[in-house]
Amino acid sequence: MKDATKVAGFKTWQKMGRKLKKGAKGIQIIYPIKRKYTTKIDGQNSLLDSENEKQEEKIVEYLTYRLTYVFDVSQTFGNPMPLEDKRLNSNNMIEFFEFLKSYSPYPIIEENLGNAQGYWNPKNKQIALKKSLSIDDKASVLLHELTHALYDDFNYAEGRNLSETFVESVAFIVADYFGLNTSMCSFNYITSWAKGDIKVILELGDKIQKTANSFIKSLEDEFTNNNIRIA
């Protein structure tokens, strides 16, 4: 199933409150199974009494494999996926958020945006954030919009999916480096814009990493130049 994006076994989907669609055909995979056994090996009581040997037990772990079936999320229905429409809803990175606002070369406004979390306006050269977001969500969105403003060189009209995949990937790496875990919202965002095609992310990999490194260095230089310390 070339278009599969998120797969799990029948029982796992059940635990998540999702059911298989009628006629869903399983995707066969080779599944590793951890096994172990206990064996006895020769040992010694002490270095001084090498002749007084005893047998010690050792646990040996190994893998066996069997065929099993999984199903893609597109073959299921029911409760929302854990990564869908998730926000951080926490306020742990206040100092980091304030630093990002001071770092931004562009004005930042907070307003009621409806379903949007934020946006970068290249015409007016300003960034908007959704006013009702938590501090950590604002920091995450601000990193995303700053990446658009500072590093995004894609033609947005023609390659919006590449632009958004690239920008959120960079923002995730930078956020993670500074202790802000955005995986619960970033991963679903990235895979949705990549259209489930992992090749898109792989092809952008070098560009993503180099840009993230450059962004991190720029932020750290700002820390150093202004004697800023983020707890």
C-alpha atoms as a PDB file:
ATOM      1  CA  MET A   1       0.000   0.000   0.000  1.00  0.00           C
ATOM      2  CA  LYS A   2       2.170   2.838  -1.320  1.00  0.00           C
ATOM      3  CA  ASP A   3      -0.016   5.607   0.119  1.00  0.00           C
ATOM      4  CA  ALA A   4       0.054   4.301   3.715  1.00  0.00           C
ATOM      5  CA  THR A   5       1.106   6.943   6.257  1.00  0.00           C
ATOM      6  CA  LYS A   6       0.238   5.615   9.745  1.00  0.00           C
ATOM      7  CA  VAL A   7      -0.170   1.904  10.349  1.00  0.00           C
ATOM      8  CA  ALA A   8      -1.088  -0.258  13.345  1.00  0.00           C
ATOM      9  CA  GLY A   9      -2.527  -3.662  14.128  1.00  0.00           C
ATOM     10  CA  PHE A  10      -6.236  -4.379  14.529  1.00  0.00           C
ATOM     11  CA  LYS A  11      -6.108  -4.434  18.341  1.00  0.00           C
ATOM     12  CA  THR A  12      -4.104  -1.187  18.494  1.00  0.00           C
ATOM     13  CA  TRP A  13      -6.689   0.605  16.375  1.00  0.00           C
ATOM     14  CA  GLN A  14      -9.390  -0.779  18.686  1.00  0.00           C
ATOM     15  CA  LYS A  15      -7.614   0.610  21.752  1.00  0.00           C
ATOM     16  CA  MET A  16      -7.513   4.013  20.028  1.00  0.00           C
ATOM     17  CA  GLY A  17     -11.268   3.881  19.479  1.00  0.00           C
ATOM     18  CA  ARG A  18     -11.080   3.293  15.753  1.00  0.00           C
ATOM     19  CA  LYS A  19     -12.670   0.526  13.665  1.00  0.00           C
ATOM     20  CA  LEU A  20     -11.742  -0.968  10.306  1.00  0.00           C
ATOM     21  CA  LYS A  21     -13.738   0.063   7.276  1.00  0.00           C
ATOM     22  CA  LYS A  22     -15.689  -2.670   5.564  1.00  0.00           C
ATOM     23  CA  GLY A  23     -13.517  -4.578   3.094  1.00  0.00           C
ATOM     24  CA  ALA A  24     -10.198  -3.240   4.487  1.00  0.00           C
ATOM     25  CA  LYS A  25      -7.330  -5.509   3.431  1.00  0.00           C
ATOM     26  CA  GLY A  26      -4.391  -5.974   5.769  1.00  0.00           C
ATOM     27  CA  ILE A  27      -0.850  -4.930   4.853  1.00  0.00           C
ATOM     28  CA  GLN A  28       1.516  -7.832   5.493  1.00  0.00           C
ATOM     29  CA  ILE A  29       4.723  -7.075   7.374  1.00  0.00           C
ATOM     30  CA  ILE A  30       7.473  -9.054   9.102  1.00  0.00           C
ATOM     31  CA  TYR A  31       7.081  -8.505  12.825  1.00  0.00           C
ATOM     32  CA  PRO A  32       9.971  -8.886  15.316  1.00  0.00           C
ATOM     33  CA  ILE A  33       9.264 -10.710  18.587  1.00  0.00           C
ATOM     34  CA  LYS A  34      11.545 -10.382  21.607  1.00  0.00           C
ATOM     35  CA  ARG A  35      12.393 -13.655  23.306  1.00  0.00           C
ATOM     36  CA  LYS A  36      14.817 -14.663  26.030  1.00  0.00           C
ATOM     37  CA  TYR A  37      16.147 -17.704  27.835  1.00  0.00           C
ATOM     38  CA  THR A  38      18.310 -18.389  30.853  1.00  0.00           C
ATOM     39  CA  THR A  39      21.569 -20.268  30.544  1.00  0.00           C
ATOM     40  CA  LYS A  40      24.303 -21.186  32.994  1.00  0.00           C
ATOM     41  CA  ILE A  41      27.892 -20.046  32.643  1.00  0.00           C
ATOM     42  CA  ASP A  42      31.015 -20.816  34.670  1.00  0.00           C
ATOM     43  CA  GLY A  43      32.021 -18.170  37.186  1.00  0.00           C
ATOM     44  CA  GLN A  44      34.332 -17.697  40.199  1.00  0.00           C
ATOM     45  CA  ASN A  45      33.613 -16.714  43.763  1.00  0.00           C
ATOM     46  CA  SER A  46      36.699 -14.499  44.025  1.00  0.00           C
ATOM     47  CA  LEU A  47      40.018 -13.709  42.416  1.00  0.00           C
ATOM     48  CA  LEU A  48      41.841 -15.317  45.331  1.00  0.00           C
ATOM     49  CA  ASP A  49      40.030 -18.622  45.062  1.00  0.00           C
ATOM     50  CA  SER A  50      40.164 -19.494  41.374  1.00  0.00           C
ATOM     51  CA  GLU A  51      39.649 -23.196  41.997  1.00  0.00           C
ATOM     52  CA  ASN A  52      36.323 -22.720  43.793  1.00  0.00           C
ATOM     53  CA  GLU A  53      34.166 -22.252  40.706  1.00  0.00           C
ATOM     54  CA  LYS A  54      30.395 -22.021  40.482  1.00  0.00           C
ATOM     55  CA  GLN A  55      27.832 -21.715  37.734  1.00  0.00           C
ATOM     56  CA  GLU A  56      26.072 -18.390  37.256  1.00  0.00           C
ATOM     57  CA  GLU A  57      22.860 -17.735  35.366  1.00  0.00           C
ATOM     58  CA  LYS A  58      22.782 -15.389  32.382  1.00  0.00           C
ATOM     59  CA  ILE A  59      19.734 -14.126  30.494  1.00  0.00           C
ATOM     60  CA  VAL A  60      20.175 -14.209  26.723  1.00  0.00           C
ATOM     61  CA  GLU A  61      17.813 -12.068  24.626  1.00  0.00           C
ATOM     62  CA  TYR A  62      17.162 -12.587  20.918  1.00  0.00           C
ATOM     63  CA  LEU A  63      14.615 -11.869  18.189  1.00  0.00           C
ATOM     64  CA  THR A  64      12.388 -14.140  16.131  1.00  0.00           C
ATOM     65  CA  TYR A  65      10.138 -13.013  13.330  1.00  0.00           C
ATOM     66  CA  ARG A  66       6.692 -13.802  12.013  1.00  0.00           C
ATOM     67  CA  LEU A  67       4.284 -12.462   9.433  1.00  0.00           C
ATOM     68  CA  THR A  68       1.437 -10.285  10.636  1.00  0.00           C
ATOM     69  CA  TYR A  69      -0.970  -7.681   9.279  1.00  0.00           C
ATOM     70  CA  VAL A  70      -1.389  -3.955   9.916  1.00  0.00           C
ATOM     71  CA  PHE A  71      -3.880  -1.411   8.591  1.00  0.00           C
ATOM     72  CA  ASP A  72      -3.393   2.187   7.481  1.00  0.00           C
ATOM     73  CA  VAL A  73      -5.287   5.010   9.169  1.00  0.00           C
ATOM     74  CA  SER A  74      -7.129   5.610   5.887  1.00  0.00           C
ATOM     75  CA  GLN A  75      -8.682   2.152   6.332  1.00  0.00           C
ATOM     76  CA  THR A  76     -10.143   3.086   9.727  1.00  0.00           C
ATOM     77  CA  PHE A  77     -12.743   5.424  11.223  1.00  0.00           C
ATOM     78  CA  GLY A  78     -13.664   6.566  14.724  1.00  0.00           C
ATOM     79  CA  ASN A  79     -11.938   8.688  17.365  1.00  0.00           C
ATOM     80  CA  PRO A  80      -9.534  11.436  16.162  1.00  0.00           C
ATOM     81  CA  MET A  81      -5.899  10.444  15.852  1.00  0.00           C
ATOM     82  CA  PRO A  82      -3.726  11.440  18.849  1.00  0.00           C
ATOM     83  CA  LEU A  83      -1.688  13.834  16.682  1.00  0.00           C
ATOM     84  CA  GLU A  84      -4.660  15.472  14.964  1.00  0.00           C
ATOM     85  CA  ASP A  85      -5.480  19.072  15.848  1.00  0.00           C
ATOM     86  CA  LYS A  86      -3.279  18.989  18.942  1.00  0.00           C
ATOM     87  CA  ARG A  87      -1.846  22.051  20.626  1.00  0.00           C
ATOM     88  CA  LEU A  88       0.690  22.203  23.441  1.00  0.00           C
ATOM     89  CA  ASN A  89      -1.592  24.101  25.841  1.00  0.00           C
ATOM     90  CA  SER A  90       1.239  24.841  28.276  1.00  0.00           C
ATOM     91  CA  ASN A  91       3.089  27.910  29.528  1.00  0.00           C
ATOM     92  CA  ASN A  92       6.595  26.692  30.341  1.00  0.00           C
ATOM     93  CA  MET A  93       8.668  28.720  27.856  1.00  0.00           C
ATOM     94  CA  ILE A  94       7.755  32.297  28.739  1.00  0.00           C
ATOM     95  CA  GLU A  95      11.364  33.556  28.686  1.00  0.00           C
ATOM     96  CA  PHE A  96      12.047  31.807  25.375  1.00  0.00           C
ATOM     97  CA  PHE A  97       8.903  33.302  23.817  1.00  0.00           C
ATOM     98  CA  GLU A  98       9.825  36.797  25.010  1.00  0.00           C
ATOM     99  CA  PHE A  99      13.316  36.327  23.598  1.00  0.00           C
ATOM    100  CA  LEU A 100      11.932  35.254  20.211  1.00  0.00           C
ATOM    101  CA  LYS A 101       9.773  38.381  20.106  1.00  0.00           C
ATOM    102  CA  SER A 102      12.795  40.580  20.800  1.00  0.00           C
ATOM    103  CA  TYR A 103      14.860  38.629  18.244  1.00  0.00           C
ATOM    104  CA  SER A 104      12.326  39.052  15.447  1.00  0.00           C
ATOM    105  CA  PRO A 105      13.304  41.791  12.970  1.00  0.00           C
ATOM    106  CA  TYR A 106       9.620  42.173  12.127  1.00  0.00           C
ATOM    107  CA  PRO A 107       6.669  43.443  14.192  1.00  0.00           C
ATOM    108  CA  ILE A 108       4.576  40.791  15.925  1.00  0.00           C
ATOM    109  CA  ILE A 109       0.881  41.304  16.522  1.00  0.00           C
ATOM    110  CA  GLU A 110      -1.587  39.131  18.422  1.00  0.00           C
ATOM    111  CA  GLU A 111      -5.166  38.968  17.221  1.00  0.00           C
ATOM    112  CA  ASN A 112      -8.225  36.738  16.887  1.00  0.00           C
ATOM    113  CA  LEU A 113      -7.521  34.565  13.866  1.00  0.00           C
ATOM    114  CA  GLY A 114     -10.304  31.994  13.874  1.00  0.00           C
ATOM    115  CA  ASN A 115      -8.891  28.604  12.835  1.00  0.00           C
ATOM    116  CA  ALA A 116      -5.453  29.940  11.882  1.00  0.00           C
ATOM    117  CA  GLN A 117      -2.676  29.800  14.477  1.00  0.00           C
ATOM    118  CA  GLY A 118      -0.578  32.533  12.879  1.00  0.00           C
ATOM    119  CA  TYR A 119       0.778  33.866   9.613  1.00  0.00           C
ATOM    120  CA  TRP A 120       3.660  35.751   8.009  1.00  0.00           C
ATOM    121  CA  ASN A 121       2.628  38.693   5.831  1.00  0.00           C
ATOM    122  CA  PRO A 122       5.474  39.302   3.352  1.00  0.00           C
ATOM    123  CA  LYS A 123       3.772  42.384   1.933  1.00  0.00           C
ATOM    124  CA  ASN A 124       3.392  44.202   5.265  1.00  0.00           C
ATOM    125  CA  LYS A 125       6.481  42.545   6.766  1.00  0.00           C
ATOM    126  CA  GLN A 126       4.766  41.464   9.958  1.00  0.00           C
ATOM    127  CA  ILE A 127       3.939  38.279  11.868  1.00  0.00           C
ATOM    128  CA  ALA A 128       0.556  37.590  13.442  1.00  0.00           C
ATOM    129  CA  LEU A 129      -0.135  35.118  16.260  1.00  0.00           C
ATOM    130  CA  LYS A 130      -3.459  33.841  17.500  1.00  0.00           C
ATOM    131  CA  LYS A 131      -4.159  35.730  20.697  1.00  0.00           C
ATOM    132  CA  SER A 132      -5.827  32.856  22.583  1.00  0.00           C
ATOM    133  CA  LEU A 133      -2.912  30.403  22.231  1.00  0.00           C
ATOM    134  CA  SER A 134      -0.863  29.285  25.217  1.00  0.00           C
ATOM    135  CA  ILE A 135       2.654  30.695  25.598  1.00  0.00           C
ATOM    136  CA  ASP A 136       4.296  27.482  24.359  1.00  0.00           C
ATOM    137  CA  ASP A 137       1.989  27.341  21.343  1.00  0.00           C
ATOM    138  CA  LYS A 138       2.801  30.976  20.561  1.00  0.00           C
ATOM    139  CA  ALA A 139       6.530  30.186  20.764  1.00  0.00           C
ATOM    140  CA  SER A 140       6.047  27.225  18.423  1.00  0.00           C
ATOM    141  CA  VAL A 141       4.018  29.232  15.917  1.00  0.00           C
ATOM    142  CA  LEU A 142       6.429  32.158  16.114  1.00  0.00           C
ATOM    143  CA  LEU A 143       9.360  29.871  15.255  1.00  0.00           C
ATOM    144  CA  HIS A 144       7.368  28.624  12.273  1.00  0.00           C
ATOM    145  CA  GLU A 145       6.553  32.130  11.024  1.00  0.00           C
ATOM    146  CA  LEU A 146      10.099  33.373  11.625  1.00  0.00           C
ATOM    147  CA  THR A 147      11.372  30.505   9.490  1.00  0.00           C
ATOM    148  CA  HIS A 148       9.002  31.610   6.729  1.00  0.00           C
ATOM    149  CA  ALA A 149      10.210  35.191   7.059  1.00  0.00           C
ATOM    150  CA  LEU A 150      13.946  34.518   7.331  1.00  0.00           C
ATOM    151  CA  TYR A 151      14.671  31.270   5.478  1.00  0.00           C
ATOM    152  CA  ASP A 152      11.800  30.224   3.216  1.00  0.00           C
ATOM    153  CA  ASP A 153      12.880  30.702  -0.409  1.00  0.00           C
ATOM    154  CA  PHE A 154      10.216  28.528  -2.038  1.00  0.00           C
ATOM    155  CA  ASN A 155       7.712  29.937  -4.493  1.00  0.00           C
ATOM    156  CA  TYR A 156       4.734  29.724  -2.150  1.00  0.00           C
ATOM    157  CA  ALA A 157       2.115  29.922  -4.899  1.00  0.00           C
ATOM    158  CA  GLU A 158       3.599  26.948  -6.765  1.00  0.00           C
ATOM    159  CA  GLY A 159       5.212  24.922  -3.984  1.00  0.00           C
ATOM    160  CA  ARG A 160       3.175  25.556  -0.840  1.00  0.00           C
ATOM    161  CA  ASN A 161       3.464  21.923   0.272  1.00  0.00           C
ATOM    162  CA  LEU A 162       7.279  22.064   0.025  1.00  0.00           C
ATOM    163  CA  SER A 163       7.361  25.403   1.810  1.00  0.00           C
ATOM    164  CA  GLU A 164       5.221  24.276   4.733  1.00  0.00           C
ATOM    165  CA  THR A 165       7.000  20.914   5.057  1.00  0.00           C
ATOM    166  CA  PHE A 166      10.385  22.642   5.084  1.00  0.00           C
ATOM    167  CA  VAL A 167       9.383  25.434   7.479  1.00  0.00           C
ATOM    168  CA  GLU A 168       7.715  23.246  10.115  1.00  0.00           C
ATOM    169  CA  SER A 169      10.579  20.734   9.985  1.00  0.00           C
ATOM    170  CA  VAL A 170      13.092  23.510  10.677  1.00  0.00           C
ATOM    171  CA  ALA A 171      10.900  24.991  13.410  1.00  0.00           C
ATOM    172  CA  PHE A 172      10.572  21.579  15.086  1.00  0.00           C
ATOM    173  CA  ILE A 173      14.352  21.033  15.173  1.00  0.00           C
ATOM    174  CA  VAL A 174      15.019  24.523  16.552  1.00  0.00           C
ATOM    175  CA  ALA A 175      12.259  24.224  19.157  1.00  0.00           C
ATOM    176  CA  ASP A 176      13.544  20.826  20.265  1.00  0.00           C
ATOM    177  CA  TYR A 177      17.105  22.171  20.579  1.00  0.00           C
ATOM    178  CA  PHE A 178      15.928  24.836  23.030  1.00  0.00           C
ATOM    179  CA  GLY A 179      13.810  22.425  25.055  1.00  0.00           C
ATOM    180  CA  LEU A 180      10.378  22.955  23.502  1.00  0.00           C
ATOM    181  CA  ASN A 181       8.908  19.627  22.376  1.00  0.00           C
ATOM    182  CA  THR A 182       6.436  20.304  19.564  1.00  0.00           C
ATOM    183  CA  SER A 183       6.234  16.738  18.220  1.00  0.00           C
ATOM    184  CA  MET A 184       2.569  16.274  19.141  1.00  0.00           C
ATOM    185  CA  CYS A 185       1.570  19.014  16.710  1.00  0.00           C
ATOM    186  CA  SER A 186       4.548  19.182  14.308  1.00  0.00           C
ATOM    187  CA  PHE A 187       4.586  15.596  13.041  1.00  0.00           C
ATOM    188  CA  ASN A 188       1.010  15.562  11.840  1.00  0.00           C
ATOM    189  CA  TYR A 189       1.448  19.006  10.253  1.00  0.00           C
ATOM    190  CA  ILE A 190       4.585  17.900   8.397  1.00  0.00           C
ATOM    191  CA  THR A 191       3.155  14.624   7.099  1.00  0.00           C
ATOM    192  CA  SER A 192      -0.074  16.299   5.995  1.00  0.00           C
ATOM    193  CA  TRP A 193       1.767  18.894   3.892  1.00  0.00           C
ATOM    194  CA  ALA A 194       4.155  16.239   2.563  1.00  0.00           C
ATOM    195  CA  LYS A 195       1.028  14.370   1.395  1.00  0.00           C
ATOM    196  CA  GLY A 196       2.251  11.266   3.213  1.00  0.00           C
ATOM    197  CA  ASP A 197       5.255  11.035   0.843  1.00  0.00           C
ATOM    198  CA  ILE A 198       8.356  10.440   2.953  1.00  0.00           C
ATOM    199  CA  LYS A 199      10.512  11.117  -0.145  1.00  0.00           C
ATOM    200  CA  VAL A 200       9.551  14.793   0.069  1.00  0.00           C
ATOM    201  CA  ILE A 201      11.004  15.040   3.577  1.00  0.00           C
ATOM    202  CA  LEU A 202      14.096  13.019   2.641  1.00  0.00           C
ATOM    203  CA  GLU A 203      14.808  15.209  -0.387  1.00  0.00           C
ATOM    204  CA  LEU A 204      14.542  18.316   1.785  1.00  0.00           C
ATOM    205  CA  GLY A 205      16.595  16.743   4.575  1.00  0.00           C
ATOM    206  CA  ASP A 206      19.932  18.439   3.886  1.00  0.00           C
ATOM    207  CA  LYS A 207      18.309  21.847   3.368  1.00  0.00           C
ATOM    208  CA  ILE A 208      16.249  21.428   6.555  1.00  0.00           C
ATOM    209  CA  GLN A 209      19.249  20.501   8.691  1.00  0.00           C
ATOM    210  CA  LYS A 210      21.517  23.255   7.360  1.00  0.00           C
ATOM    211  CA  THR A 211      18.807  25.859   7.841  1.00  0.00           C
ATOM    212  CA  ALA A 212      18.022  24.639  11.358  1.00  0.00           C
ATOM    213  CA  ASN A 213      21.722  24.780  12.265  1.00  0.00           C
ATOM    214  CA  SER A 214      21.974  28.318  10.909  1.00  0.00           C
ATOM    215  CA  PHE A 215      18.854  29.410  12.801  1.00  0.00           C
ATOM    216  CA  ILE A 216      20.114  27.865  16.057  1.00  0.00           C
ATOM    217  CA  LYS A 217      23.518  29.533  15.700  1.00  0.00           C
ATOM    218  CA  SER A 218      21.892  32.894  15.050  1.00  0.00           C
ATOM    219  CA  LEU A 219      19.740  32.543  18.174  1.00  0.00           C
ATOM    220  CA  GLU A 220      22.687  31.438  20.299  1.00  0.00           C
ATOM    221  CA  ASP A 221      24.793  34.346  19.039  1.00  0.00           C
ATOM    222  CA  GLU A 222      21.980  36.665  20.100  1.00  0.00           C
ATOM    223  CA  PHE A 223      21.998  35.032  23.544  1.00  0.00           C
ATOM    224  CA  THR A 224      25.735  35.621  23.860  1.00  0.00           C
ATOM    225  CA  ASN A 225      25.764  39.182  22.526  1.00  0.00           C
ATOM    226  CA  ASN A 226      23.034  40.261  24.938  1.00  0.00           C
ATOM    227  CA  ASN A 227      24.074  38.108  27.913  1.00  0.00           C
ATOM    228  CA  ILE A 228      20.715  36.345  27.832  1.00  0.00           C
ATOM    229  CA  ARG A 229      20.172  33.082  29.648  1.00  0.00           C
ATOM    230  CA  ILE A 230      17.108  30.967  29.030  1.00  0.00           C
ATOM    231  CA  ALA A 231      16.279  28.785  32.071  1.00  0.00           C
END
